[in-house]
Amino acid sequence: MATLRDRYDPKANGLGLLRLAFALTVLLAHSWPLGIARPNPGQGLTRGQTDLGTLAVDGFFVLSGFLVAASARKGNALRFAWHRFLRIFPGLWVCLAVTALAAALTGHAGGPGFVRENFFGAVHQWGIGTLFQDTPYGRLVSGSVVNGSLWSLVYELLCYCGLAALVALGLPRRAPWLVPVLAAGAYLVLVVDALHDPTTPHYRGGLGPFPLLGYVDLQLACYLGFLFLLGASAQLYAHRIPLHPALACSSFLILAMSLGYGGFFVAGYPAFAYLTLYAACVVPPRLHGVGREHDYSYGIYIYAFPIQQAVAHFGGGAWGPLPFAALCLPPVLLAAALSWHLVERPVLALKHRLPMPRHLTLAR
């Protein structure tokens, strides 16, 4: 039977298409709460276990673990951290600055504080003054929320930090088995929760404060960390993971049953991760180029929420969530394209120019 390593080509795959699809799915799902103050679609169908937007975020963590683990295998902790920094922070900083500037131009004070409080990826300030308090979502939460999508970045960064620590110790190369062992530990938490309630994760409070990142939700850290570790384990053991249509069909049935009847986090998570990686390998070759040269997925993710809030401010949700999503899509794609071409791609060109202290450079 063919394995994941046999079917996955690092230079020709569907990962770019999947990232783009997940980012657009988040935009679509947010059209309900931001446009008409209703929950993300899918909660009723899944017994409250998840929804369309959350499922897309889950997919991001699986793909992130799979892609980042490939970099971790090279064993250079400084280079690993530098690449992750370039991928996340320059685009985020420009997004925060643009948002603060737009708020100032519309007469809302507090933009500099918004940039400062969210500068390191953890959201410590959700709003800017009274900006967007009059939108459907603002009235729903009774406050200003400028960019709610940024909540997941702190967990992505925690996953990066954990993997960077392993890289510094040389473990992804010398002891790759440790990654699936960590995944099994996180999975045990999910199993314990499922025994208590198969549809609702157990809230474990916060952990921290960590330097720069502040407090993190332990439940989210365990669940999203498990998905990240599943993706990383798949990368490290791609030669051991069989890839077959029958297994994909079985995973789909397991996922559907867990969504409808409970047990999504225990049974559906691994099935969803398998389907995600399977899809990346079987995407038709004519679609392999999507997102490869021009990756707009991150720009869509960080700009969609504030743009949707702005469209909602002007009454864009009056026609319903789908027309609202259609109204928001062009400006979001424009912002994502500008972010990629003017910020993200230029800074990513620096990934091989790792800044190092002079004495370390001379030592090399």
Protein backbone atom coordinates (compact mmCIF):
# COMPACT_ATOMS: atom_id res chain seq x y z
CA MET A 1 0.00 0.00 0.00
CA ALA A 2 1.29 3.47 -0.87
CA THR A 3 2.37 5.65 2.04
CA LEU A 4 2.10 9.35 2.67
CA ARG A 5 5.76 9.73 1.68
CA ASP A 6 5.08 7.97 -1.61
CA ARG A 7 2.15 10.21 -2.51
CA TYR A 8 3.28 13.55 -1.09
CA ASP A 9 5.49 15.70 -3.31
CA PRO A 10 6.83 18.78 -1.45
CA LYS A 11 6.95 20.68 -4.74
CA ALA A 12 3.60 19.60 -6.19
CA ASN A 13 0.70 19.22 -3.77
CA GLY A 14 -2.60 20.72 -2.69
CA LEU A 15 -1.48 22.38 0.54
CA GLY A 16 -1.74 25.89 -0.92
CA LEU A 17 -5.27 25.19 -2.12
CA LEU A 18 -6.27 23.81 1.28
CA ARG A 19 -4.84 26.80 3.16
CA LEU A 20 -6.73 29.16 0.87
CA ALA A 21 -9.93 27.11 1.28
CA PHE A 22 -9.62 27.12 5.06
CA ALA A 23 -9.05 30.89 5.16
CA LEU A 24 -12.07 31.55 2.94
CA THR A 25 -14.13 29.15 5.06
CA VAL A 26 -13.37 31.21 8.15
CA LEU A 27 -14.53 34.32 6.28
CA LEU A 28 -17.74 32.57 5.25
CA ALA A 29 -18.43 31.22 8.74
CA HIS A 30 -17.88 34.63 10.32
CA SER A 31 -20.54 36.10 8.03
CA TRP A 32 -23.20 34.79 10.40
CA PRO A 33 -21.99 36.36 13.68
CA LEU A 34 -20.59 39.50 12.04
CA GLY A 35 -23.39 40.03 9.55
CA ILE A 36 -26.53 39.01 11.42
CA ALA A 37 -25.36 38.25 15.00
CA ARG A 38 -25.97 34.51 14.71
CA PRO A 39 -23.58 31.68 15.70
CA ASN A 40 -21.20 30.19 13.16
CA PRO A 41 -23.04 27.64 10.99
CA GLY A 42 -22.76 24.00 11.95
CA GLN A 43 -23.19 24.11 15.70
CA GLY A 44 -26.66 22.59 15.56
CA LEU A 45 -25.62 19.84 13.17
CA THR A 46 -22.65 18.86 15.34
CA ARG A 47 -24.42 18.91 18.71
CA GLY A 48 -22.44 22.01 19.62
CA GLN A 49 -19.09 20.24 19.27
CA THR A 50 -17.74 22.49 16.55
CA ASP A 51 -18.77 24.74 13.67
CA LEU A 52 -17.65 25.57 10.16
CA GLY A 53 -15.14 28.25 11.15
CA THR A 54 -13.62 26.24 14.00
CA LEU A 55 -13.22 23.22 11.74
CA ALA A 56 -11.27 25.39 9.29
CA VAL A 57 -8.99 26.58 12.10
CA ASP A 58 -8.46 22.94 13.07
CA GLY A 59 -7.36 22.27 9.50
CA PHE A 60 -4.85 25.12 9.70
CA PHE A 61 -3.23 23.53 12.76
CA VAL A 62 -2.93 20.12 11.09
CA LEU A 63 -1.30 21.65 8.01
CA SER A 64 0.89 23.91 10.11
CA GLY A 65 2.25 20.98 12.11
CA PHE A 66 2.89 19.01 8.93
CA LEU A 67 4.73 21.84 7.17
CA VAL A 68 6.65 23.18 10.15
CA ALA A 69 7.92 19.74 11.15
CA ALA A 70 9.66 19.51 7.78
CA SER A 71 11.65 22.61 8.72
CA ALA A 72 12.28 21.25 12.22
CA ARG A 73 13.97 18.14 10.81
CA LYS A 74 16.83 20.29 9.57
CA GLY A 75 17.91 20.77 13.17
CA ASN A 76 18.81 24.48 13.28
CA ALA A 77 16.84 26.15 16.08
CA LEU A 78 17.87 29.71 15.21
CA ARG A 79 16.94 29.31 11.56
CA PHE A 80 13.69 27.61 12.53
CA ALA A 81 12.74 30.49 14.83
CA TRP A 82 13.77 33.07 12.21
CA HIS A 83 11.57 31.50 9.53
CA ARG A 84 8.57 31.32 11.87
CA PHE A 85 9.10 34.95 12.90
CA LEU A 86 9.15 36.13 9.30
CA ARG A 87 5.99 34.21 8.46
CA ILE A 88 3.91 35.58 11.33
CA PHE A 89 5.03 38.92 12.69
CA PRO A 90 5.73 41.37 9.83
CA GLY A 91 2.32 40.74 8.28
CA LEU A 92 0.65 40.95 11.69
CA TRP A 93 2.39 44.20 12.61
CA VAL A 94 1.37 45.89 9.38
CA CYS A 95 -2.21 44.66 9.86
CA LEU A 96 -2.31 46.10 13.37
CA ALA A 97 -0.84 49.41 12.18
CA VAL A 98 -3.26 49.69 9.26
CA THR A 99 -6.18 48.94 11.56
CA ALA A 100 -5.04 51.54 14.09
CA LEU A 101 -4.56 54.14 11.34
CA ALA A 102 -8.02 53.47 9.92
CA ALA A 103 -9.50 53.84 13.40
CA ALA A 104 -7.70 57.16 13.91
CA LEU A 105 -8.93 58.49 10.56
CA THR A 106 -12.50 57.72 11.62
CA GLY A 107 -12.06 59.56 14.94
CA HIS A 108 -11.56 56.60 17.28
CA ALA A 109 -8.75 56.95 19.81
CA GLY A 110 -6.83 54.01 21.22
CA GLY A 111 -5.12 52.72 18.08
CA PRO A 112 -1.55 52.90 19.45
CA GLY A 113 -2.61 50.92 22.48
CA PHE A 114 -4.22 48.34 20.23
CA VAL A 115 -0.92 47.89 18.37
CA ARG A 116 1.15 47.80 21.54
CA GLU A 117 -1.08 45.35 23.43
CA ASN A 118 -1.29 42.89 20.53
CA PHE A 119 2.23 43.36 19.20
CA PHE A 120 3.56 39.93 20.18
CA GLY A 121 0.70 37.87 18.77
CA ALA A 122 -1.38 37.45 21.93
CA VAL A 123 -4.57 39.53 21.99
CA HIS A 124 -4.67 41.70 25.11
CA GLN A 125 -6.95 44.38 23.64
CA TRP A 126 -9.88 43.41 21.45
CA GLY A 127 -11.28 46.82 20.60
CA ILE A 128 -10.40 50.42 19.84
CA GLY A 129 -12.62 52.81 21.75
CA THR A 130 -16.18 52.47 20.50
CA LEU A 131 -15.19 51.28 17.03
CA PHE A 132 -17.68 48.70 15.68
CA GLN A 133 -19.84 48.74 18.80
CA ASP A 134 -22.83 49.49 16.56
CA THR A 135 -22.36 46.42 14.34
CA PRO A 136 -24.48 43.28 14.84
CA TYR A 137 -21.53 41.56 16.51
CA GLY A 138 -20.68 44.63 18.59
CA ARG A 139 -24.23 44.71 19.95
CA LEU A 140 -24.08 40.95 20.55
CA VAL A 141 -20.94 41.16 22.71
CA SER A 142 -21.67 44.67 24.03
CA GLY A 143 -18.30 46.06 23.06
CA SER A 144 -15.71 46.82 20.44
CA VAL A 145 -14.03 43.84 18.76
CA VAL A 146 -11.80 44.83 15.87
CA ASN A 147 -10.07 41.58 14.96
CA GLY A 148 -11.45 38.51 16.66
CA SER A 149 -9.61 36.12 14.32
CA LEU A 150 -6.30 36.83 16.03
CA TRP A 151 -7.21 34.65 19.03
CA SER A 152 -5.61 31.56 17.46
CA LEU A 153 -2.18 33.11 16.85
CA VAL A 154 -1.03 32.67 20.45
CA TYR A 155 -1.66 28.91 20.21
CA GLU A 156 0.17 28.72 16.91
CA LEU A 157 3.10 30.52 18.52
CA LEU A 158 3.03 28.16 21.50
CA CYS A 159 3.25 25.22 19.12
CA TYR A 160 6.19 26.88 17.39
CA CYS A 161 7.92 27.51 20.72
CA GLY A 162 7.48 23.90 21.80
CA LEU A 163 8.81 22.58 18.51
CA ALA A 164 11.69 25.08 18.60
CA ALA A 165 12.69 23.70 22.01
CA LEU A 166 12.75 20.19 20.54
CA VAL A 167 14.81 21.44 17.60
CA ALA A 168 17.31 23.08 19.95
CA LEU A 169 17.81 19.68 21.59
CA GLY A 170 18.10 17.97 18.22
CA LEU A 171 15.20 15.66 19.02
CA PRO A 172 13.23 15.75 15.72
CA ARG A 173 16.23 14.08 14.07
CA ARG A 174 17.60 11.94 16.92
CA ALA A 175 14.33 11.00 18.60
CA PRO A 176 11.40 11.68 16.24
CA TRP A 177 9.30 9.23 18.26
CA LEU A 178 8.97 11.91 20.94
CA VAL A 179 6.56 13.92 18.79
CA PRO A 180 3.91 11.17 18.49
CA VAL A 181 4.44 10.43 22.20
CA LEU A 182 3.56 14.05 22.97
CA ALA A 183 0.57 13.73 20.64
CA ALA A 184 -0.52 10.63 22.58
CA GLY A 185 -0.25 12.58 25.83
CA ALA A 186 -2.47 15.33 24.45
CA TYR A 187 -4.86 12.69 23.11
CA LEU A 188 -5.19 11.22 26.59
CA VAL A 189 -6.55 14.58 27.74
CA LEU A 190 -9.18 14.41 24.98
CA VAL A 191 -10.13 10.86 25.99
CA VAL A 192 -10.55 11.85 29.64
CA ASP A 193 -12.77 14.73 28.57
CA ALA A 194 -14.84 12.45 26.32
CA LEU A 195 -15.44 10.04 29.19
CA HIS A 196 -16.80 12.97 31.17
CA ASP A 197 -18.85 14.45 28.30
CA PRO A 198 -18.47 13.26 24.69
CA THR A 199 -19.63 16.57 23.21
CA THR A 200 -18.11 19.26 25.48
CA PRO A 201 -14.40 19.69 26.33
CA HIS A 202 -13.60 20.18 29.99
CA TYR A 203 -12.52 23.73 30.80
CA ARG A 204 -9.19 23.67 32.64
CA GLY A 205 -8.62 27.35 33.23
CA GLY A 206 -5.64 29.42 32.14
CA LEU A 207 -1.90 28.87 32.27
CA GLY A 208 0.66 31.61 32.69
CA PRO A 209 1.29 34.42 32.41
CA PHE A 210 4.00 33.67 29.88
CA PRO A 211 6.43 36.42 28.86
CA LEU A 212 4.85 38.49 26.06
CA LEU A 213 2.08 35.93 25.47
CA GLY A 214 0.18 36.31 28.74
CA TYR A 215 -2.35 33.67 29.80
CA VAL A 216 -3.42 30.80 27.56
CA ASP A 217 -6.48 28.60 27.75
CA LEU A 218 -5.31 25.10 28.72
CA GLN A 219 -8.19 23.38 26.97
CA LEU A 220 -7.49 25.15 23.66
CA ALA A 221 -3.75 24.56 24.06
CA CYS A 222 -4.30 20.80 24.49
CA TYR A 223 -6.81 20.42 21.67
CA LEU A 224 -5.12 22.62 19.08
CA GLY A 225 -1.72 21.33 20.18
CA PHE A 226 -2.92 17.78 19.54
CA LEU A 227 -3.90 18.68 15.96
CA PHE A 228 -0.53 20.38 15.42
CA LEU A 229 1.29 17.32 16.79
CA LEU A 230 -0.78 15.03 14.55
CA GLY A 231 0.39 16.99 11.53
CA ALA A 232 3.99 17.00 12.77
CA SER A 233 3.89 13.25 13.47
CA ALA A 234 2.56 12.64 9.97
CA GLN A 235 5.53 14.54 8.55
CA LEU A 236 8.09 12.68 10.64
CA TYR A 237 6.54 9.26 10.00
CA ALA A 238 5.22 9.76 6.49
CA HIS A 239 6.85 6.47 5.48
CA ARG A 240 4.66 4.61 7.98
CA ILE A 241 1.26 6.18 7.20
CA PRO A 242 -0.72 4.29 4.54
CA LEU A 243 -2.64 6.39 2.05
CA HIS A 244 -5.56 4.66 0.38
CA PRO A 245 -9.06 5.67 -0.80
CA ALA A 246 -10.65 3.04 1.44
CA LEU A 247 -8.99 4.57 4.49
CA ALA A 248 -10.10 8.02 3.37
CA CYS A 249 -13.70 6.81 3.01
CA SER A 250 -13.54 5.21 6.44
CA SER A 251 -12.16 8.42 7.92
CA PHE A 252 -14.98 10.39 6.30
CA LEU A 253 -17.59 8.07 7.83
CA ILE A 254 -15.94 8.29 11.26
CA LEU A 255 -15.82 12.07 10.99
CA ALA A 256 -19.48 12.33 9.94
CA MET A 257 -20.69 9.99 12.68
CA SER A 258 -18.66 11.74 15.37
CA LEU A 259 -20.02 15.11 14.28
CA GLY A 260 -23.59 13.88 14.34
CA TYR A 261 -23.56 11.60 17.37
CA GLY A 262 -20.70 12.75 19.59
CA GLY A 263 -17.07 11.83 20.11
CA PHE A 264 -15.77 14.32 17.55
CA PHE A 265 -12.67 15.24 19.53
CA VAL A 266 -11.63 11.63 20.17
CA ALA A 267 -12.62 10.00 16.87
CA GLY A 268 -13.26 12.91 14.53
CA TYR A 269 -10.00 14.79 15.13
CA PRO A 270 -7.71 11.98 13.85
CA ALA A 271 -10.12 11.25 11.00
CA PHE A 272 -10.21 14.92 10.00
CA ALA A 273 -6.41 15.15 10.13
CA TYR A 274 -6.08 12.08 7.89
CA LEU A 275 -8.61 13.46 5.40
CA THR A 276 -6.82 16.81 5.32
CA LEU A 277 -3.45 15.27 4.46
CA TYR A 278 -5.04 12.80 2.05
CA ALA A 279 -6.71 15.69 0.21
CA ALA A 280 -3.36 17.49 -0.05
CA CYS A 281 -1.94 14.48 -1.89
CA VAL A 282 -4.82 13.76 -4.29
CA VAL A 283 -5.63 17.29 -5.44
CA PRO A 284 -5.50 17.32 -9.28
CA PRO A 285 -2.12 18.48 -10.64
CA ARG A 286 -3.69 21.49 -12.37
CA LEU A 287 -4.48 22.90 -8.91
CA HIS A 288 -1.04 22.37 -7.41
CA GLY A 289 -0.02 25.91 -8.28
CA VAL A 290 -2.78 27.51 -6.17
CA GLY A 291 -1.14 29.29 -3.27
CA ARG A 292 2.37 28.18 -4.21
CA GLU A 293 3.74 31.39 -5.70
CA HIS A 294 1.20 33.74 -4.13
CA ASP A 295 -0.05 32.61 -0.73
CA TYR A 296 -2.92 34.89 0.27
CA SER A 297 -4.24 32.63 3.04
CA TYR A 298 -2.55 34.43 5.96
CA GLY A 299 -3.58 37.85 4.65
CA ILE A 300 -7.18 36.67 4.32
CA TYR A 301 -7.09 35.33 7.85
CA ILE A 302 -5.79 38.50 9.52
CA TYR A 303 -7.70 41.08 7.44
CA ALA A 304 -11.10 39.42 6.96
CA PHE A 305 -12.51 40.13 10.42
CA PRO A 306 -11.90 43.92 10.52
CA ILE A 307 -13.06 44.31 6.90
CA GLN A 308 -16.21 42.32 7.64
CA GLN A 309 -16.83 44.48 10.68
CA ALA A 310 -16.45 47.61 8.53
CA VAL A 311 -18.89 46.28 5.93
CA ALA A 312 -21.33 45.38 8.71
CA HIS A 313 -20.99 48.91 10.11
CA PHE A 314 -22.42 50.24 6.86
CA GLY A 315 -25.32 47.80 6.88
CA GLY A 316 -23.81 45.08 4.69
CA GLY A 317 -25.44 42.29 6.67
CA ALA A 318 -28.98 43.46 5.91
CA TRP A 319 -29.33 41.04 2.95
CA GLY A 320 -28.22 37.95 4.87
CA PRO A 321 -24.95 36.13 5.52
CA LEU A 322 -24.23 34.87 1.99
CA PRO A 323 -24.67 38.26 0.25
CA PHE A 324 -22.69 39.74 3.13
CA ALA A 325 -19.83 37.30 2.48
CA ALA A 326 -19.94 38.17 -1.23
CA LEU A 327 -19.70 41.89 -0.40
CA CYS A 328 -16.73 41.32 1.89
CA LEU A 329 -14.78 39.01 -0.39
CA PRO A 330 -13.36 41.56 -2.90
CA PRO A 331 -11.88 43.97 -0.30
CA VAL A 332 -10.54 41.05 1.73
CA LEU A 333 -8.81 39.56 -1.31
CA LEU A 334 -7.39 42.97 -2.18
CA ALA A 335 -6.01 43.43 1.34
CA ALA A 336 -4.57 39.91 1.32
CA ALA A 337 -2.92 40.47 -2.07
CA LEU A 338 -1.38 43.76 -0.90
CA SER A 339 -0.19 42.09 2.30
CA TRP A 340 1.46 39.28 0.35
CA HIS A 341 3.11 41.37 -2.37
CA LEU A 342 4.14 44.36 -0.24
CA VAL A 343 4.93 42.74 3.12
CA GLU A 344 4.92 38.96 3.39
CA ARG A 345 6.78 37.94 0.23
CA PRO A 346 9.50 40.63 0.57
CA VAL A 347 10.28 39.66 4.17
CA LEU A 348 10.18 35.94 3.38
CA ALA A 349 12.93 36.61 0.86
CA LEU A 350 15.11 37.29 3.92
CA LYS A 351 14.69 33.80 5.36
CA HIS A 352 18.21 32.79 4.31
CA ARG A 353 19.71 35.97 5.79
CA LEU A 354 19.61 35.02 9.43
CA PRO A 355 20.78 37.99 11.57
CA MET A 356 23.48 36.83 13.98
CA PRO A 357 25.78 38.59 16.48
CA ARG A 358 29.14 39.49 15.00
CA HIS A 359 31.15 37.17 17.25
CA LEU A 360 29.00 34.19 16.21
CA THR A 361 29.40 35.13 12.54
CA LEU A 362 33.18 35.23 12.93
CA ALA A 363 33.15 31.92 14.77
CA ARG A 364 31.40 30.30 11.84
